[in-house]
Amino acid sequence: MGFSFLPVMEYLSRRAFHAARLCPHTVTLPRDPGEGSGARTIHYWAPPGEPRLPPLLLIHGFGPMATWQWRRQVGPFSRRFHVVVPDLLCFGGSSPSPSSPA
């Protein structure tokens, strides 16, 4: 049994997002009539409440989750923008896409 770096990265990333006053949110997406059952969700980080600053959507590249890729930028950006950072389908806290194998 060895040491895993993943929990440390997740902790540091979440800490950076909370320091930028971003909170985790989840939204359930409607399903197409031909899709199977079960909820499809998008997880994202954003400030609580209504936006008071211009919006800035940060989309991650290929990687395990958005928090890892944007952890150093959310602090400075959140001072001037209403930052929204989603985990795309199949990444992080979001559910798999409807075409993904079960």
Foldseek 3Di string as FASTA:
>chain_A
DDDDCVVVLVVLLVVLLVVLQKDKDKDWDDDDPPFDDDTWMKIKIWHPDDWPAAADEDEDDDDQFQSNVCSVPSNVVSVHHGYMYIGPAPHDPTHHDRPDDD
